[in-house]
All heavy atoms as atom14 arrays in JSON, in Angstrom:
{
  "sequence": "LLFEATWPDGSAPALGLVARMPPEQTSFPVFPSYDFRLQYDVMVA",
  "atom14_mask": [
    [1, 1, 1, 1, 1, 1, 1, 1, 0, 0, 0, 0, 0, 0],
    [1, 1, 1, 1, 1, 1, 1, 1, 0, 0, 0, 0, 0, 0],
    [1, 1, 1, 1, 1, 1, 1, 1, 1, 1, 1, 0, 0, 0],
    [1, 1, 1, 1, 1, 1, 1, 1, 1, 0, 0, 0, 0, 0],
    [1, 1, 1, 1, 1, 0, 0, 0, 0, 0, 0, 0, 0, 0],
    [1, 1, 1, 1, 1, 1, 1, 0, 0, 0, 0, 0, 0, 0],
    [1, 1, 1, 1, 1, 1, 1, 1, 1, 1, 1, 1, 1, 1],
    [1, 1, 1, 1, 1, 1, 1, 0, 0, 0, 0, 0, 0, 0],
    [1, 1, 1, 1, 1, 1, 1, 1, 0, 0, 0, 0, 0, 0],
    [1, 1, 1, 1, 0, 0, 0, 0, 0, 0, 0, 0, 0, 0],
    [1, 1, 1, 1, 1, 1, 0, 0, 0, 0, 0, 0, 0, 0],
    [1, 1, 1, 1, 1, 0, 0, 0, 0, 0, 0, 0, 0, 0],
    [1, 1, 1, 1, 1, 1, 1, 0, 0, 0, 0, 0, 0, 0],
    [1, 1, 1, 1, 1, 0, 0, 0, 0, 0, 0, 0, 0, 0],
    [1, 1, 1, 1, 1, 1, 1, 1, 0, 0, 0, 0, 0, 0],
    [1, 1, 1, 1, 0, 0, 0, 0, 0, 0, 0, 0, 0, 0],
    [1, 1, 1, 1, 1, 1, 1, 1, 0, 0, 0, 0, 0, 0],
    [1, 1, 1, 1, 1, 1, 1, 0, 0, 0, 0, 0, 0, 0],
    [1, 1, 1, 1, 1, 0, 0, 0, 0, 0, 0, 0, 0, 0],
    [1, 1, 1, 1, 1, 1, 1, 1, 1, 1, 1, 0, 0, 0],
    [1, 1, 1, 1, 1, 1, 1, 1, 0, 0, 0, 0, 0, 0],
    [1, 1, 1, 1, 1, 1, 1, 0, 0, 0, 0, 0, 0, 0],
    [1, 1, 1, 1, 1, 1, 1, 0, 0, 0, 0, 0, 0, 0],
    [1, 1, 1, 1, 1, 1, 1, 1, 1, 0, 0, 0, 0, 0],
    [1, 1, 1, 1, 1, 1, 1, 1, 1, 0, 0, 0, 0, 0],
    [1, 1, 1, 1, 1, 1, 1, 0, 0, 0, 0, 0, 0, 0],
    [1, 1, 1, 1, 1, 1, 0, 0, 0, 0, 0, 0, 0, 0],
    [1, 1, 1, 1, 1, 1, 1, 1, 1, 1, 1, 0, 0, 0],
    [1, 1, 1, 1, 1, 1, 1, 0, 0, 0, 0, 0, 0, 0],
    [1, 1, 1, 1, 1, 1, 1, 0, 0, 0, 0, 0, 0, 0],
    [1, 1, 1, 1, 1, 1, 1, 1, 1, 1, 1, 0, 0, 0],
    [1, 1, 1, 1, 1, 1, 1, 0, 0, 0, 0, 0, 0, 0],
    [1, 1, 1, 1, 1, 1, 0, 0, 0, 0, 0, 0, 0, 0],
    [1, 1, 1, 1, 1, 1, 1, 1, 1, 1, 1, 1, 0, 0],
    [1, 1, 1, 1, 1, 1, 1, 1, 0, 0, 0, 0, 0, 0],
    [1, 1, 1, 1, 1, 1, 1, 1, 1, 1, 1, 0, 0, 0],
    [1, 1, 1, 1, 1, 1, 1, 1, 1, 1, 1, 0, 0, 0],
    [1, 1, 1, 1, 1, 1, 1, 1, 0, 0, 0, 0, 0, 0],
    [1, 1, 1, 1, 1, 1, 1, 1, 1, 0, 0, 0, 0, 0],
    [1, 1, 1, 1, 1, 1, 1, 1, 1, 1, 1, 1, 0, 0],
    [1, 1, 1, 1, 1, 1, 1, 1, 0, 0, 0, 0, 0, 0],
    [1, 1, 1, 1, 1, 1, 1, 0, 0, 0, 0, 0, 0, 0],
    [1, 1, 1, 1, 1, 1, 1, 1, 0, 0, 0, 0, 0, 0],
    [1, 1, 1, 1, 1, 1, 1, 0, 0, 0, 0, 0, 0, 0],
    [1, 1, 1, 1, 1, 0, 0, 0, 0, 0, 0, 0, 0, 0]
  ],
  "atom14_positions": [
    [[-2.49, 7.74, 5.24], [-3.72, 8.23, 4.63], [-4.84, 7.29, 5.01], [-4.72, 6.07, 4.85], [-3.6, 8.29, 3.11], [-2.56, 9.24, 2.52], [-2.55, 9.14, 1.0], [-2.83, 10.68, 2.95], [0.0, 0.0, 0.0], [0.0, 0.0, 0.0], [0.0, 0.0, 0.0], [0.0, 0.0, 0.0], [0.0, 0.0, 0.0], [0.0, 0.0, 0.0]],
    [[-5.93, 7.84, 5.53], [-7.12, 7.06, 5.85], [-8.15, 7.3, 4.74], [-8.29, 8.42, 4.25], [-7.71, 7.5, 7.19], [-6.77, 7.62, 8.39], [-7.56, 8.01, 9.63], [-6.02, 6.33, 8.62], [0.0, 0.0, 0.0], [0.0, 0.0, 0.0], [0.0, 0.0, 0.0], [0.0, 0.0, 0.0], [0.0, 0.0, 0.0], [0.0, 0.0, 0.0]],
    [[-8.87, 6.26, 4.36], [-9.92, 6.45, 3.36], [-10.89, 5.29, 3.39], [-10.63, 4.23, 3.97], [-9.32, 6.63, 1.96], [-8.52, 5.47, 1.44], [-9.09, 4.51, 0.61], [-7.17, 5.34, 1.76], [-8.35, 3.45, 0.12], [-6.42, 4.28, 1.26], [-7.02, 3.34, 0.44], [0.0, 0.0, 0.0], [0.0, 0.0, 0.0], [0.0, 0.0, 0.0]],
    [[-12.04, 5.52, 2.74], [-13.05, 4.5, 2.58], [-13.08, 4.05, 1.12], [-12.97, 4.88, 0.21], [-14.44, 5.05, 2.96], [-14.54, 5.62, 4.37], [-14.5, 4.55, 5.44], [-14.91, 3.41, 5.13], [-14.06, 4.85, 6.56], [0.0, 0.0, 0.0], [0.0, 0.0, 0.0], [0.0, 0.0, 0.0], [0.0, 0.0, 0.0], [0.0, 0.0, 0.0]],
    [[-13.24, 2.77, 0.91], [-13.41, 2.21, -0.43], [-14.76, 1.52, -0.49], [-15.04, 0.63, 0.32], [-12.28, 1.23, -0.76], [0.0, 0.0, 0.0], [0.0, 0.0, 0.0], [0.0, 0.0, 0.0], [0.0, 0.0, 0.0], [0.0, 0.0, 0.0], [0.0, 0.0, 0.0], [0.0, 0.0, 0.0], [0.0, 0.0, 0.0], [0.0, 0.0, 0.0]],
    [[-15.6, 1.92, -1.44], [-16.92, 1.32, -1.6], [-17.14, 0.94, -3.06], [-16.66, 1.62, -3.97], [-18.04, 2.28, -1.15], [-17.91, 3.51, -1.87], [-17.94, 2.58, 0.35], [0.0, 0.0, 0.0], [0.0, 0.0, 0.0], [0.0, 0.0, 0.0], [0.0, 0.0, 0.0], [0.0, 0.0, 0.0], [0.0, 0.0, 0.0], [0.0, 0.0, 0.0]],
    [[-17.86, -0.15, -3.26], [-18.18, -0.64, -4.6], [-19.69, -0.54, -4.78], [-20.44, -1.4, -4.28], [-17.72, -2.07, -4.77], [-16.23, -2.22, -4.95], [-15.56, -2.36, -6.13], [-15.23, -2.26, -3.92], [-14.21, -2.47, -5.91], [-13.98, -2.42, -4.56], [-15.27, -2.17, -2.52], [-12.79, -2.49, -3.86], [-14.08, -2.24, -1.82], [-12.85, -2.4, -2.48]],
    [[-20.19, 0.49, -5.46], [-21.64, 0.66, -5.64], [-22.31, -0.54, -6.32], [-23.49, -0.8, -6.09], [-21.74, 1.91, -6.52], [-20.5, 2.67, -6.24], [-19.45, 1.63, -6.03], [0.0, 0.0, 0.0], [0.0, 0.0, 0.0], [0.0, 0.0, 0.0], [0.0, 0.0, 0.0], [0.0, 0.0, 0.0], [0.0, 0.0, 0.0], [0.0, 0.0, 0.0]],
    [[-21.56, -1.28, -7.16], [-22.14, -2.44, -7.84], [-22.1, -3.7, -7.0], [-22.49, -4.78, -7.46], [-21.43, -2.67, -9.17], [-19.96, -3.05, -8.99], [-19.48, -3.11, -7.85], [-19.28, -3.28, -10.02], [0.0, 0.0, 0.0], [0.0, 0.0, 0.0], [0.0, 0.0, 0.0], [0.0, 0.0, 0.0], [0.0, 0.0, 0.0], [0.0, 0.0, 0.0]],
    [[-21.6, -3.6, -5.77], [-21.56, -4.76, -4.89], [-20.44, -5.72, -5.16], [-20.46, -6.85, -4.65], [0.0, 0.0, 0.0], [0.0, 0.0, 0.0], [0.0, 0.0, 0.0], [0.0, 0.0, 0.0], [0.0, 0.0, 0.0], [0.0, 0.0, 0.0], [0.0, 0.0, 0.0], [0.0, 0.0, 0.0], [0.0, 0.0, 0.0], [0.0, 0.0, 0.0]],
    [[-19.42, -5.3, -5.91], [-18.3, -6.2, -6.22], [-17.57, -6.65, -4.96], [-16.98, -7.74, -4.93], [-17.3, -5.51, -7.16], [-17.9, -5.15, -8.37], [0.0, 0.0, 0.0], [0.0, 0.0, 0.0], [0.0, 0.0, 0.0], [0.0, 0.0, 0.0], [0.0, 0.0, 0.0], [0.0, 0.0, 0.0], [0.0, 0.0, 0.0], [0.0, 0.0, 0.0]],
    [[-17.57, -5.85, -3.92], [-16.89, -6.17, -2.67], [-17.54, -5.35, -1.56], [-18.14, -4.3, -1.82], [-15.4, -5.86, -2.77], [0.0, 0.0, 0.0], [0.0, 0.0, 0.0], [0.0, 0.0, 0.0], [0.0, 0.0, 0.0], [0.0, 0.0, 0.0], [0.0, 0.0, 0.0], [0.0, 0.0, 0.0], [0.0, 0.0, 0.0], [0.0, 0.0, 0.0]],
    [[-17.43, -5.82, -0.31], [-17.95, -5.03, 0.8], [-17.11, -3.77, 1.02], [-15.93, -3.73, 0.68], [-17.86, -5.97, 1.99], [-16.8, -6.95, 1.61], [-16.87, -7.1, 0.13], [0.0, 0.0, 0.0], [0.0, 0.0, 0.0], [0.0, 0.0, 0.0], [0.0, 0.0, 0.0], [0.0, 0.0, 0.0], [0.0, 0.0, 0.0], [0.0, 0.0, 0.0]],
    [[-17.73, -2.76, 1.59], [-17.02, -1.51, 1.88], [-15.89, -1.77, 2.86], [-16.0, -2.62, 3.76], [-17.99, -0.48, 2.45], [0.0, 0.0, 0.0], [0.0, 0.0, 0.0], [0.0, 0.0, 0.0], [0.0, 0.0, 0.0], [0.0, 0.0, 0.0], [0.0, 0.0, 0.0], [0.0, 0.0, 0.0], [0.0, 0.0, 0.0], [0.0, 0.0, 0.0]],
    [[-14.8, -1.04, 2.66], [-13.62, -1.21, 3.51], [-13.13, 0.13, 4.01], [-13.09, 1.12, 3.26], [-12.48, -1.87, 2.72], [-12.66, -3.3, 2.25], [-11.47, -3.71, 1.38], [-12.8, -4.25, 3.43], [0.0, 0.0, 0.0], [0.0, 0.0, 0.0], [0.0, 0.0, 0.0], [0.0, 0.0, 0.0], [0.0, 0.0, 0.0], [0.0, 0.0, 0.0]],
    [[-12.73, 0.17, 5.26], [-11.95, 1.28, 5.78], [-10.49, 0.9, 5.71], [-10.09, -0.16, 6.21], [0.0, 0.0, 0.0], [0.0, 0.0, 0.0], [0.0, 0.0, 0.0], [0.0, 0.0, 0.0], [0.0, 0.0, 0.0], [0.0, 0.0, 0.0], [0.0, 0.0, 0.0], [0.0, 0.0, 0.0], [0.0, 0.0, 0.0], [0.0, 0.0, 0.0]],
    [[-9.67, 1.73, 5.08], [-8.28, 1.36, 4.79], [-7.32, 2.44, 5.26], [-7.69, 3.61, 5.43], [-8.1, 1.12, 3.29], [-8.9, -0.05, 2.69], [-8.87, 0.0, 1.18], [-8.37, -1.38, 3.2], [0.0, 0.0, 0.0], [0.0, 0.0, 0.0], [0.0, 0.0, 0.0], [0.0, 0.0, 0.0], [0.0, 0.0, 0.0], [0.0, 0.0, 0.0]],
    [[-6.08, 2.03, 5.45], [-4.99, 2.93, 5.79], [-3.84, 2.64, 4.84], [-3.43, 1.48, 4.7], [-4.5, 2.75, 7.24], [-3.36, 3.72, 7.54], [-5.64, 2.95, 8.23], [0.0, 0.0, 0.0], [0.0, 0.0, 0.0], [0.0, 0.0, 0.0], [0.0, 0.0, 0.0], [0.0, 0.0, 0.0], [0.0, 0.0, 0.0], [0.0, 0.0, 0.0]],
    [[-3.34, 3.67, 4.19], [-2.13, 3.56, 3.37], [-1.0, 4.24, 4.12], [-1.13, 5.39, 4.54], [-2.34, 4.21, 2.01], [0.0, 0.0, 0.0], [0.0, 0.0, 0.0], [0.0, 0.0, 0.0], [0.0, 0.0, 0.0], [0.0, 0.0, 0.0], [0.0, 0.0, 0.0], [0.0, 0.0, 0.0], [0.0, 0.0, 0.0], [0.0, 0.0, 0.0]],
    [[0.09, 3.53, 4.3], [1.23, 4.07, 5.04], [2.42, 4.19, 4.1], [2.8, 3.23, 3.44], [1.57, 3.16, 6.22], [2.56, 3.76, 7.2], [2.54, 3.01, 8.5], [3.54, 3.46, 9.43], [3.42, 4.5, 10.24], [2.31, 5.21, 10.22], [4.38, 4.84, 11.07], [0.0, 0.0, 0.0], [0.0, 0.0, 0.0], [0.0, 0.0, 0.0]],
    [[2.99, 5.41, 4.04], [4.06, 5.72, 3.09], [5.18, 6.47, 3.8], [4.96, 7.09, 4.84], [3.5, 6.6, 1.97], [2.41, 5.96, 1.15], [1.62, 7.17, 0.04], [0.62, 8.08, 1.22], [0.0, 0.0, 0.0], [0.0, 0.0, 0.0], [0.0, 0.0, 0.0], [0.0, 0.0, 0.0], [0.0, 0.0, 0.0], [0.0, 0.0, 0.0]],
    [[6.37, 6.46, 3.21], [7.44, 7.31, 3.75], [7.19, 8.76, 3.38], [6.49, 9.05, 2.39], [8.7, 6.78, 3.05], [8.2, 6.25, 1.75], [6.83, 5.69, 2.03], [0.0, 0.0, 0.0], [0.0, 0.0, 0.0], [0.0, 0.0, 0.0], [0.0, 0.0, 0.0], [0.0, 0.0, 0.0], [0.0, 0.0, 0.0], [0.0, 0.0, 0.0]],
    [[7.72, 9.69, 4.14], [7.63, 11.1, 3.75], [8.52, 11.37, 2.54], [9.5, 10.66, 2.3], [8.14, 11.85, 4.98], [9.06, 10.88, 5.64], [8.49, 9.51, 5.38], [0.0, 0.0, 0.0], [0.0, 0.0, 0.0], [0.0, 0.0, 0.0], [0.0, 0.0, 0.0], [0.0, 0.0, 0.0], [0.0, 0.0, 0.0], [0.0, 0.0, 0.0]],
    [[8.18, 12.4, 1.76], [9.05, 12.78, 0.66], [10.37, 13.33, 1.2], [10.44, 13.83, 2.32], [8.4, 13.87, -0.21], [7.0, 13.56, -0.66], [5.95, 14.15, 0.26], [6.16, 14.11, 1.5], [4.94, 14.64, -0.23], [0.0, 0.0, 0.0], [0.0, 0.0, 0.0], [0.0, 0.0, 0.0], [0.0, 0.0, 0.0], [0.0, 0.0, 0.0]],
    [[11.39, 13.25, 0.4], [12.69, 13.79, 0.8], [12.6, 15.3, 1.04], [13.33, 15.86, 1.85], [13.75, 13.48, -0.25], [14.14, 12.0, -0.31], [14.7, 11.51, 1.03], [15.6, 12.13, 1.61], [14.17, 10.4, 1.51], [0.0, 0.0, 0.0], [0.0, 0.0, 0.0], [0.0, 0.0, 0.0], [0.0, 0.0, 0.0], [0.0, 0.0, 0.0]],
    [[11.71, 15.98, 0.34], [11.56, 17.42, 0.51], [10.93, 17.79, 1.85], [10.93, 18.97, 2.22], [10.72, 18.03, -0.62], [9.46, 17.35, -0.68], [11.43, 17.89, -1.95], [0.0, 0.0, 0.0], [0.0, 0.0, 0.0], [0.0, 0.0, 0.0], [0.0, 0.0, 0.0], [0.0, 0.0, 0.0], [0.0, 0.0, 0.0], [0.0, 0.0, 0.0]],
    [[10.38, 16.8, 2.56], [9.75, 17.09, 3.84], [10.69, 16.87, 5.02], [10.26, 16.8, 6.16], [8.49, 16.24, 4.02], [8.83, 14.88, 4.19], [0.0, 0.0, 0.0], [0.0, 0.0, 0.0], [0.0, 0.0, 0.0], [0.0, 0.0, 0.0], [0.0, 0.0, 0.0], [0.0, 0.0, 0.0], [0.0, 0.0, 0.0], [0.0, 0.0, 0.0]],
    [[12.02, 16.77, 4.74], [13.02, 16.66, 5.79], [12.7, 15.45, 6.69], [12.37, 15.59, 7.86], [13.06, 17.94, 6.63], [14.4, 18.25, 7.23], [15.3, 19.08, 6.56], [14.78, 17.74, 8.44], [16.53, 19.38, 7.12], [16.01, 18.04, 9.01], [16.89, 18.87, 8.34], [0.0, 0.0, 0.0], [0.0, 0.0, 0.0], [0.0, 0.0, 0.0]],
    [[12.79, 14.24, 6.14], [12.37, 13.04, 6.87], [13.15, 12.83, 8.16], [14.3, 13.23, 8.29], [12.62, 11.91, 5.87], [13.61, 12.44, 4.91], [13.34, 13.91, 4.81], [0.0, 0.0, 0.0], [0.0, 0.0, 0.0], [0.0, 0.0, 0.0], [0.0, 0.0, 0.0], [0.0, 0.0, 0.0], [0.0, 0.0, 0.0], [0.0, 0.0, 0.0]],
    [[12.49, 12.16, 9.1], [13.09, 11.91, 10.41], [14.16, 10.82, 10.31], [15.19, 10.89, 10.99], [12.01, 11.51, 11.43], [12.63, 11.09, 12.76], [11.05, 12.68, 11.66], [0.0, 0.0, 0.0], [0.0, 0.0, 0.0], [0.0, 0.0, 0.0], [0.0, 0.0, 0.0], [0.0, 0.0, 0.0], [0.0, 0.0, 0.0], [0.0, 0.0, 0.0]],
    [[13.94, 9.83, 9.47], [14.87, 8.72, 9.34], [15.49, 8.71, 7.94], [14.87, 9.16, 6.97], [14.17, 7.39, 9.61], [13.62, 7.28, 11.0], [12.25, 7.15, 11.23], [14.46, 7.31, 12.1], [11.74, 7.05, 12.51], [13.96, 7.21, 13.39], [12.6, 7.08, 13.6], [0.0, 0.0, 0.0], [0.0, 0.0, 0.0], [0.0, 0.0, 0.0]],
    [[16.7, 8.15, 7.8], [17.37, 8.2, 6.5], [16.79, 7.26, 5.46], [16.95, 7.5, 4.27], [18.82, 7.81, 6.84], [18.74, 7.06, 8.12], [17.58, 7.64, 8.87], [0.0, 0.0, 0.0], [0.0, 0.0, 0.0], [0.0, 0.0, 0.0], [0.0, 0.0, 0.0], [0.0, 0.0, 0.0], [0.0, 0.0, 0.0], [0.0, 0.0, 0.0]],
    [[16.12, 6.17, 5.88], [15.57, 5.22, 4.92], [14.37, 4.52, 5.54], [14.21, 4.49, 6.76], [16.63, 4.19, 4.5], [17.05, 3.43, 5.62], [0.0, 0.0, 0.0], [0.0, 0.0, 0.0], [0.0, 0.0, 0.0], [0.0, 0.0, 0.0], [0.0, 0.0, 0.0], [0.0, 0.0, 0.0], [0.0, 0.0, 0.0], [0.0, 0.0, 0.0]],
    [[13.54, 3.98, 4.66], [12.3, 3.33, 5.07], [12.16, 2.03, 4.28], [11.91, 2.05, 3.08], [11.1, 4.24, 4.82], [11.1, 5.49, 5.66], [11.92, 6.57, 5.33], [10.3, 5.59, 6.79], [11.94, 7.72, 6.11], [10.31, 6.73, 7.57], [11.13, 7.79, 7.24], [11.15, 8.93, 8.02], [0.0, 0.0, 0.0], [0.0, 0.0, 0.0]],
    [[12.37, 0.89, 4.94], [12.29, -0.4, 4.3], [10.88, -0.96, 4.49], [10.59, -1.65, 5.46], [13.34, -1.35, 4.88], [13.47, -2.64, 4.1], [12.52, -3.01, 3.4], [14.54, -3.28, 4.2], [0.0, 0.0, 0.0], [0.0, 0.0, 0.0], [0.0, 0.0, 0.0], [0.0, 0.0, 0.0], [0.0, 0.0, 0.0], [0.0, 0.0, 0.0]],
    [[10.0, -0.67, 3.52], [8.6, -1.08, 3.68], [8.42, -2.57, 3.46], [7.5, -3.17, 4.01], [7.71, -0.26, 2.75], [7.26, 1.04, 3.38], [8.18, 1.91, 3.93], [5.92, 1.36, 3.44], [7.76, 3.08, 4.53], [5.49, 2.53, 4.04], [6.41, 3.4, 4.59], [0.0, 0.0, 0.0], [0.0, 0.0, 0.0], [0.0, 0.0, 0.0]],
    [[9.26, -3.21, 2.66], [9.19, -4.66, 2.53], [9.48, -5.31, 3.87], [8.78, -6.24, 4.3], [10.19, -5.14, 1.47], [10.55, -6.61, 1.53], [9.35, -7.54, 1.47], [8.67, -7.49, 0.2], [7.55, -8.17, -0.08], [6.98, -8.91, 0.87], [6.97, -8.08, -1.25], [0.0, 0.0, 0.0], [0.0, 0.0, 0.0], [0.0, 0.0, 0.0]],
    [[10.49, -4.83, 4.57], [10.83, -5.4, 5.86], [9.71, -5.17, 6.86], [9.33, -6.09, 7.61], [12.14, -4.8, 6.38], [12.68, -5.35, 7.69], [12.89, -6.85, 7.61], [13.98, -4.65, 8.08], [0.0, 0.0, 0.0], [0.0, 0.0, 0.0], [0.0, 0.0, 0.0], [0.0, 0.0, 0.0], [0.0, 0.0, 0.0], [0.0, 0.0, 0.0]],
    [[9.15, -3.97, 6.91], [8.04, -3.7, 7.81], [6.86, -4.64, 7.53], [6.25, -5.19, 8.45], [7.57, -2.25, 7.68], [8.54, -1.22, 8.22], [7.98, 0.18, 8.1], [6.82, 0.44, 8.46], [8.77, 1.11, 7.59], [0.0, 0.0, 0.0], [0.0, 0.0, 0.0], [0.0, 0.0, 0.0], [0.0, 0.0, 0.0], [0.0, 0.0, 0.0]],
    [[6.54, -4.78, 6.27], [5.43, -5.64, 5.87], [5.67, -7.07, 6.32], [4.8, -7.73, 6.91], [5.27, -5.56, 4.36], [4.09, -6.31, 3.79], [2.83, -5.71, 3.67], [4.21, -7.64, 3.36], [1.75, -6.4, 3.14], [3.14, -8.33, 2.83], [1.91, -7.7, 2.72], [0.84, -8.38, 2.2], [0.0, 0.0, 0.0], [0.0, 0.0, 0.0]],
    [[6.87, -7.58, 6.06], [7.19, -8.96, 6.43], [7.13, -9.16, 7.94], [6.69, -10.22, 8.42], [8.58, -9.34, 5.91], [8.62, -9.49, 4.39], [7.54, -9.57, 3.76], [9.74, -9.52, 3.84], [0.0, 0.0, 0.0], [0.0, 0.0, 0.0], [0.0, 0.0, 0.0], [0.0, 0.0, 0.0], [0.0, 0.0, 0.0], [0.0, 0.0, 0.0]],
    [[7.59, -8.18, 8.7], [7.53, -8.28, 10.16], [6.08, -8.34, 10.63], [5.71, -9.18, 11.47], [8.27, -7.1, 10.82], [7.97, -7.03, 12.32], [9.77, -7.22, 10.6], [0.0, 0.0, 0.0], [0.0, 0.0, 0.0], [0.0, 0.0, 0.0], [0.0, 0.0, 0.0], [0.0, 0.0, 0.0], [0.0, 0.0, 0.0], [0.0, 0.0, 0.0]],
    [[5.23, -7.47, 10.09], [3.83, -7.47, 10.49], [3.14, -8.78, 10.14], [2.35, -9.32, 10.93], [3.12, -6.29, 9.84], [3.6, -4.93, 10.33], [2.93, -3.54, 9.37], [1.22, -3.54, 9.92], [0.0, 0.0, 0.0], [0.0, 0.0, 0.0], [0.0, 0.0, 0.0], [0.0, 0.0, 0.0], [0.0, 0.0, 0.0], [0.0, 0.0, 0.0]],
    [[3.43, -9.32, 8.96], [2.87, -10.6, 8.56], [3.27, -11.69, 9.55], [2.44, -12.51, 10.0], [3.32, -10.97, 7.13], [2.99, -12.44, 6.83], [2.64, -10.07, 6.11], [0.0, 0.0, 0.0], [0.0, 0.0, 0.0], [0.0, 0.0, 0.0], [0.0, 0.0, 0.0], [0.0, 0.0, 0.0], [0.0, 0.0, 0.0], [0.0, 0.0, 0.0]],
    [[4.56, -11.72, 9.92], [5.05, -12.75, 10.82], [4.47, -12.6, 12.23], [4.16, -13.6, 12.89], [6.57, -12.72, 10.87], [0.0, 0.0, 0.0], [0.0, 0.0, 0.0], [0.0, 0.0, 0.0], [0.0, 0.0, 0.0], [0.0, 0.0, 0.0], [0.0, 0.0, 0.0], [0.0, 0.0, 0.0], [0.0, 0.0, 0.0], [0.0, 0.0, 0.0]]
  ]
}
């Protein structure tokens, strides 16, 4: 999901963000499991 986050009161600068999630089980996923902690840790490293 792509979206913009803005703070009209100036609490933070505007950000363009991406949220990445696994598909629901009802959507017949391509892979049997999605380890988002592992993905996150790999990207950090």
